[in-house]
Protein backbone atom coordinates (compact mmCIF):
# COMPACT_ATOMS: atom_id res chain seq x y z
CA MET A 1 65.40 75.38 117.83
CA GLU A 2 66.36 74.62 113.81
CA GLU A 3 63.14 76.00 112.87
CA PHE A 4 63.54 79.11 114.55
CA GLU A 5 66.45 79.18 113.24
CA ALA A 6 65.63 78.75 109.51
CA SER A 7 62.89 81.10 110.10
CA THR A 8 65.22 83.85 111.51
CA ALA A 9 67.53 83.34 108.33
CA ALA A 10 64.31 83.12 106.00
CA LYS A 11 63.61 86.88 107.46
CA LYS A 12 66.91 87.74 107.48
CA THR A 13 67.33 86.71 103.48
CA LYS A 14 64.01 88.36 102.59
CA THR A 15 64.76 91.85 104.51
CA ILE A 16 68.39 91.76 102.39
CA TYR A 17 66.29 91.51 99.20
CA ILE A 18 64.05 94.27 99.78
CA SER A 19 66.27 96.44 100.49
CA THR A 20 68.37 95.21 97.72
CA VAL A 21 64.98 95.77 95.13
CA PHE A 22 64.49 99.15 96.78
CA GLY A 23 68.40 100.45 96.54
CA ILE A 24 68.34 99.28 92.93
CA ALA A 25 65.15 101.10 92.49
CA MET A 26 66.15 104.50 94.26
CA VAL A 27 69.58 104.60 91.93
CA LEU A 28 67.67 103.99 88.78
CA LEU A 29 65.22 106.68 89.84
CA MET A 30 68.16 109.29 89.82
CA LEU A 31 69.40 107.76 86.70
CA GLY A 32 65.55 108.05 85.52
CA LEU A 33 65.66 111.44 86.65
CA LEU A 34 68.66 112.40 84.85
CA GLY A 35 67.19 111.43 81.40
CA LEU A 36 64.35 113.23 81.41
CA ILE A 37 66.02 116.38 82.39
CA LEU A 38 68.42 115.55 78.99
CA VAL A 39 65.14 115.34 77.26
CA HIS A 40 63.42 118.00 78.28
CA ALA A 41 66.70 120.16 78.25
CA ASN A 42 67.03 119.02 74.04
CA ASN A 43 63.24 119.67 73.34
CA LEU A 44 63.81 123.26 75.29
CA SER A 45 66.88 123.85 72.54
CA ARG A 46 65.31 122.44 69.73
CA TYR A 47 61.87 124.56 70.81
CA ILE A 48 64.07 127.70 71.35
CA LYS A 49 65.39 127.47 67.89
CA GLU A 50 62.44 126.68 65.79
CA ASN A 51 60.47 129.59 67.33
CA MET A 52 63.56 132.01 66.31
CA VAL A 53 61.82 134.14 63.27
CA VAL A 54 63.26 135.20 60.06
CA ASN A 55 61.66 138.23 58.47
CA VAL A 56 61.60 137.97 54.87
CA PHE A 57 60.06 140.99 53.28
CA VAL A 58 58.74 141.37 49.75
CA ASP A 59 58.94 144.07 47.50
CA GLU A 60 55.70 146.21 47.77
CA SER A 61 54.73 146.30 44.44
CA ALA A 62 54.66 142.71 44.68
CA ARG A 63 50.98 140.72 44.28
CA GLU A 64 49.64 138.82 47.22
CA THR A 65 49.20 135.71 44.53
CA ASP A 66 52.90 135.92 44.00
CA VAL A 67 53.75 136.30 47.57
CA LEU A 68 51.45 133.11 48.70
CA GLN A 69 53.87 131.33 45.98
CA LEU A 70 56.70 132.22 47.45
CA GLN A 71 55.62 130.86 51.07
CA LYS A 72 54.72 127.44 49.32
CA GLN A 73 58.48 127.62 48.04
CA LEU A 74 59.80 128.38 51.13
CA ASP A 75 57.67 125.72 53.02
CA SER A 76 59.40 123.21 50.53
CA ASN A 77 62.82 124.43 51.54
CA PRO A 78 64.87 121.77 53.72
CA TYR A 79 65.78 124.52 56.03
CA VAL A 80 62.45 125.82 56.96
CA LYS A 81 60.03 124.00 59.36
CA GLN A 82 57.32 126.47 58.81
CA SER A 83 56.38 129.99 57.81
CA GLN A 84 53.56 132.62 57.66
CA TYR A 85 52.08 135.34 55.58
CA VAL A 86 52.21 138.85 56.92
CA SER A 87 49.74 140.98 55.15
CA LYS A 88 50.40 144.69 55.34
CA GLU A 89 46.82 144.97 57.39
CA LEU A 90 48.33 142.02 59.90
CA ALA A 91 51.32 143.70 60.38
CA ALA A 92 49.81 147.03 61.14
CA ARG A 93 47.30 145.26 63.76
CA ASN A 94 50.49 143.91 65.30
CA LEU A 95 52.47 146.35 65.55
CA GLN A 96 49.41 148.59 66.98
CA LYS A 97 48.97 145.74 69.75
CA ASP A 98 52.38 146.17 70.75
CA LEU A 99 52.33 150.43 70.58
CA GLY A 100 49.43 150.50 72.25
CA GLU A 101 48.02 153.27 69.54
CA ASP A 102 46.80 153.56 65.81
CA PHE A 103 49.73 154.48 64.02
CA VAL A 104 48.08 154.16 60.88
CA ARG A 105 45.30 156.54 61.57
CA PHE A 106 47.98 159.33 62.80
CA LEU A 107 50.31 158.67 59.86
CA GLY A 108 47.35 158.56 57.56
CA VAL A 109 48.97 155.62 55.53
CA ASN A 110 50.43 152.31 56.27
CA PRO A 111 54.04 152.09 55.93
CA LEU A 112 54.34 148.52 56.47
CA SER A 113 55.32 145.94 54.09
CA GLN A 114 53.61 142.51 53.18
CA SER A 115 56.34 139.69 54.40
CA ILE A 116 56.68 136.13 55.29
CA ASP A 117 57.64 134.90 58.82
CA VAL A 118 60.04 132.01 58.63
CA TYR A 119 60.66 129.65 61.64
CA ILE A 120 64.04 127.36 60.68
CA LYS A 121 64.30 123.76 61.80
CA ALA A 122 66.58 123.66 64.47
CA ASP A 123 69.29 121.75 62.66
CA TYR A 124 69.78 125.00 60.60
CA ALA A 125 69.75 127.44 63.44
CA ASN A 126 73.05 128.80 63.40
CA ASN A 127 74.02 131.88 61.19
CA THR A 128 76.48 130.25 58.87
CA ASP A 129 72.92 128.06 57.31
CA LEU A 130 70.88 131.06 58.14
CA SER A 131 73.61 133.32 56.04
CA LYS A 132 73.42 130.67 53.21
CA PHE A 133 69.79 130.65 53.20
CA SER A 134 69.31 134.70 53.16
CA ALA A 135 71.49 134.63 50.18
CA GLN A 136 69.49 132.03 48.32
CA LEU A 137 66.25 133.99 49.30
CA LEU A 138 67.62 137.69 47.99
CA LYS A 139 68.02 135.91 44.69
CA ASN A 140 64.02 135.86 43.87
CA PRO A 141 63.26 139.50 42.54
CA LEU A 142 60.36 139.52 45.15
CA VAL A 143 62.47 139.35 48.01
CA LYS A 144 63.55 142.99 49.07
CA GLU A 145 65.25 142.36 52.33
CA VAL A 146 66.07 139.16 54.72
CA LYS A 147 66.32 140.07 58.48
CA TYR A 148 66.92 138.13 61.72
CA GLN A 149 68.95 138.89 64.72
CA GLN A 150 72.72 137.40 64.09
CA SER A 151 74.09 138.29 67.76
CA LEU A 152 71.01 136.85 69.25
CA VAL A 153 71.62 133.47 67.26
CA GLU A 154 75.21 133.28 68.07
CA MET A 155 74.35 133.46 72.14
CA MET A 156 71.70 131.22 71.94
CA ASN A 157 74.12 128.72 70.28
CA LYS A 158 77.08 129.13 72.11
CA ASN A 159 74.59 129.30 75.73
CA ILE A 160 72.85 126.17 74.95
CA GLY A 161 76.27 124.09 73.66
CA SER A 162 77.80 125.34 77.33
CA ILE A 163 74.77 124.09 79.21
CA SER A 164 74.74 120.88 77.10
CA LEU A 165 78.09 119.89 77.71
CA ILE A 166 77.75 120.80 81.39
CA ILE A 167 74.92 118.52 81.54
CA LEU A 168 76.65 115.54 79.69
CA VAL A 169 79.46 115.64 81.72
CA PHE A 170 77.29 115.47 85.11
CA ALA A 171 75.08 112.82 83.34
CA GLY A 172 78.45 110.65 82.58
CA ILE A 173 79.70 110.95 86.22
CA PHE A 174 76.19 110.32 87.71
CA ALA A 175 76.12 107.44 85.80
CA ILE A 176 79.04 105.91 87.15
CA VAL A 177 78.59 106.21 90.42
CA SER A 178 75.17 104.73 89.94
CA ILE A 179 76.63 101.64 88.47
CA ALA A 180 79.22 101.46 91.32
CA LEU A 181 75.78 101.86 93.88
CA ILE A 182 74.16 99.12 92.57
CA ASN A 183 77.13 96.67 92.21
CA ASN A 184 78.17 97.43 95.93
CA THR A 185 74.31 96.79 97.11
CA ILE A 186 74.17 93.34 95.01
CA ARG A 187 77.57 92.45 96.47
CA LEU A 188 76.88 93.10 99.94
CA ALA A 189 73.33 90.84 99.31
CA ILE A 190 75.31 88.04 97.68
CA PHE A 191 77.91 88.55 100.58
CA SER A 192 75.15 87.50 103.34
CA GLN A 193 74.96 84.15 101.09
CA ARG A 194 79.02 83.44 100.59
CA PHE A 195 78.39 80.02 103.23
CA LEU A 196 75.76 78.89 101.05
CA ILE A 197 77.80 79.23 97.69
CA LYS A 198 80.66 77.43 99.46
CA SER A 199 78.44 74.71 100.87
CA MET A 200 76.92 74.13 97.26
CA GLN A 201 80.41 73.76 95.79
CA LEU A 202 81.18 71.93 98.35
CA VAL A 203 78.71 68.81 97.95
CA GLY A 204 80.02 68.90 93.91
CA ALA A 205 77.76 71.44 92.45
CA THR A 206 78.68 73.29 89.18
CA LYS A 207 79.32 76.23 88.88
CA GLY A 208 76.68 76.91 86.62
CA PHE A 209 74.22 75.63 88.43
CA ILE A 210 74.91 77.50 91.95
CA ARG A 211 75.23 80.73 89.33
CA LYS A 212 71.79 80.34 87.81
CA PRO A 213 69.64 81.07 90.98
CA PHE A 214 71.63 83.93 91.90
CA LEU A 215 71.58 85.26 88.17
CA LEU A 216 67.71 84.95 87.77
CA TYR A 217 67.33 86.57 91.63
CA GLY A 218 69.33 89.43 90.31
CA ILE A 219 67.11 90.01 87.03
CA TRP A 220 64.09 89.87 88.85
CA HIS A 221 65.71 92.47 91.48
CA GLY A 222 66.78 94.62 88.61
CA LEU A 223 63.31 94.52 86.80
CA LEU A 224 61.01 94.91 89.92
CA GLY A 225 63.69 98.37 90.92
CA ALA A 226 63.13 99.36 87.33
CA LEU A 227 59.38 99.47 87.38
CA ILE A 228 59.33 101.10 90.88
CA ALA A 229 61.50 104.17 89.90
CA ILE A 230 59.02 104.07 86.73
CA VAL A 231 56.13 104.09 88.76
CA ILE A 232 57.93 107.33 90.65
CA LEU A 233 59.38 108.81 87.43
CA MET A 234 55.35 108.94 85.89
CA GLY A 235 54.01 110.66 88.90
CA THR A 236 56.99 112.81 88.94
CA LEU A 237 56.00 114.06 85.29
CA TYR A 238 52.37 114.15 86.14
CA PHE A 239 52.97 116.55 89.40
CA ALA A 240 55.47 118.45 87.17
CA THR A 241 53.00 118.91 84.58
CA ARG A 242 50.25 120.02 87.24
CA GLN A 243 52.57 122.37 88.37
CA ILE A 244 54.12 124.02 85.56
CA PRO A 245 51.40 123.19 82.38
CA ASP A 246 53.96 124.89 79.86
CA LEU A 247 56.23 121.81 80.20
CA VAL A 248 53.62 119.77 77.80
CA VAL A 249 54.76 121.42 74.98
CA LEU A 250 58.56 119.65 75.95
CA GLN A 251 57.03 116.43 76.27
CA ASN A 252 57.80 113.62 73.65
CA TYR A 253 55.74 110.16 74.94
CA THR A 254 58.10 108.57 72.12
CA GLU A 255 61.27 110.03 74.05
CA PHE A 256 59.66 109.43 77.81
CA GLY A 257 59.42 105.84 76.62
CA ILE A 258 62.73 105.21 75.81
CA VAL A 259 64.40 106.18 78.94
CA PHE A 260 62.14 104.27 80.65
CA LEU A 261 62.99 101.03 78.81
CA LEU A 262 66.78 102.30 79.32
CA VAL A 263 65.79 102.30 83.05
CA VAL A 264 64.54 99.01 82.65
CA GLY A 265 67.53 97.41 80.37
CA LEU A 266 70.04 99.15 82.77
CA GLY A 267 68.26 97.87 86.16
CA ILE A 268 68.46 94.45 84.47
CA PHE A 269 71.82 94.32 83.01
CA ILE A 270 73.70 95.81 86.06
CA SER A 271 72.15 93.81 88.46
CA ALA A 272 72.66 90.48 86.57
CA PHE A 273 76.41 91.60 85.63
CA SER A 274 76.90 92.83 89.45
CA THR A 275 75.46 89.66 90.59
CA TRP A 276 77.57 87.13 88.24
CA LEU A 277 80.76 89.12 89.51
CA ALA A 278 79.97 88.98 93.24
CA VAL A 279 79.02 85.01 92.92
CA ASN A 280 82.05 84.47 90.61
CA ARG A 281 84.20 86.01 93.44
CA PHE A 282 82.76 84.08 96.08
CA LEU A 283 83.38 81.28 94.18
CA ARG A 284 86.71 81.45 93.89
CA LEU A 285 87.59 82.04 97.33
CA LYS A 286 88.62 79.24 100.11
CA ILE A 287 86.72 78.64 102.65
CA TYR A 288 89.16 80.34 105.45
CA ASP A 289 88.83 83.47 103.40
CA LEU A 290 85.09 83.18 103.76
CA TYR A 291 85.56 84.46 107.78
CA ARG A 292 87.63 87.20 106.51
């Protein structure tokens, strides 16, 4: 009879621990997904900003060697990510593709100017910095005109700022809810062990001695839950990339690694801290309070 009761108790404890691990894993999965969304949103914002073109038109009488020298100067500018020289012939071919007809043959002359397409770094993709950049360029005698879409830049930064704020607020709320869910899951698991905790205390075990195995289990459960969440996150990333190949340009494996490490760190920390709080609570309770 005693062996049957011991076996039943062991199975019940095992079931509680398994459910605790999977409960932690599911919450960490949601946190990890949110982290990946934040990473992709940030990379998308940077990608959009760094693919906005500033057209630098040079004087028609400028020699190609001088224009290429100007391009080298632009590439060394802290505002510039990269640049591309566009000759009159290349500009004509690009416009011909857009129009669908040979306008040079119709006009008898190529009216387009040679230019340099400049791609600005994301940190400087705003009207204030672009105005300063344009003013610097116009001081160069080779530069005839600098063009970029001011209204588009303003609208882009405004929309990106609003979306980022919404995502951050949502992330904060979700993080608080996730911590509360993990804490409640662990408290329920420790609740089933309250009589064992009190029995150990009554026979003279110190609080540190009683707390230690529960903390080790808490750390182990947090680590297991985090690893399960990471495996599912990696599968989700693989599936998303297969379905949407263009996501590759937004993916940064260093940032993904940071997200995964944060998931592991949060899983271990929240699980251990919640276990510490729950065990301490039952250590402070009187015997008759255990039945309430």
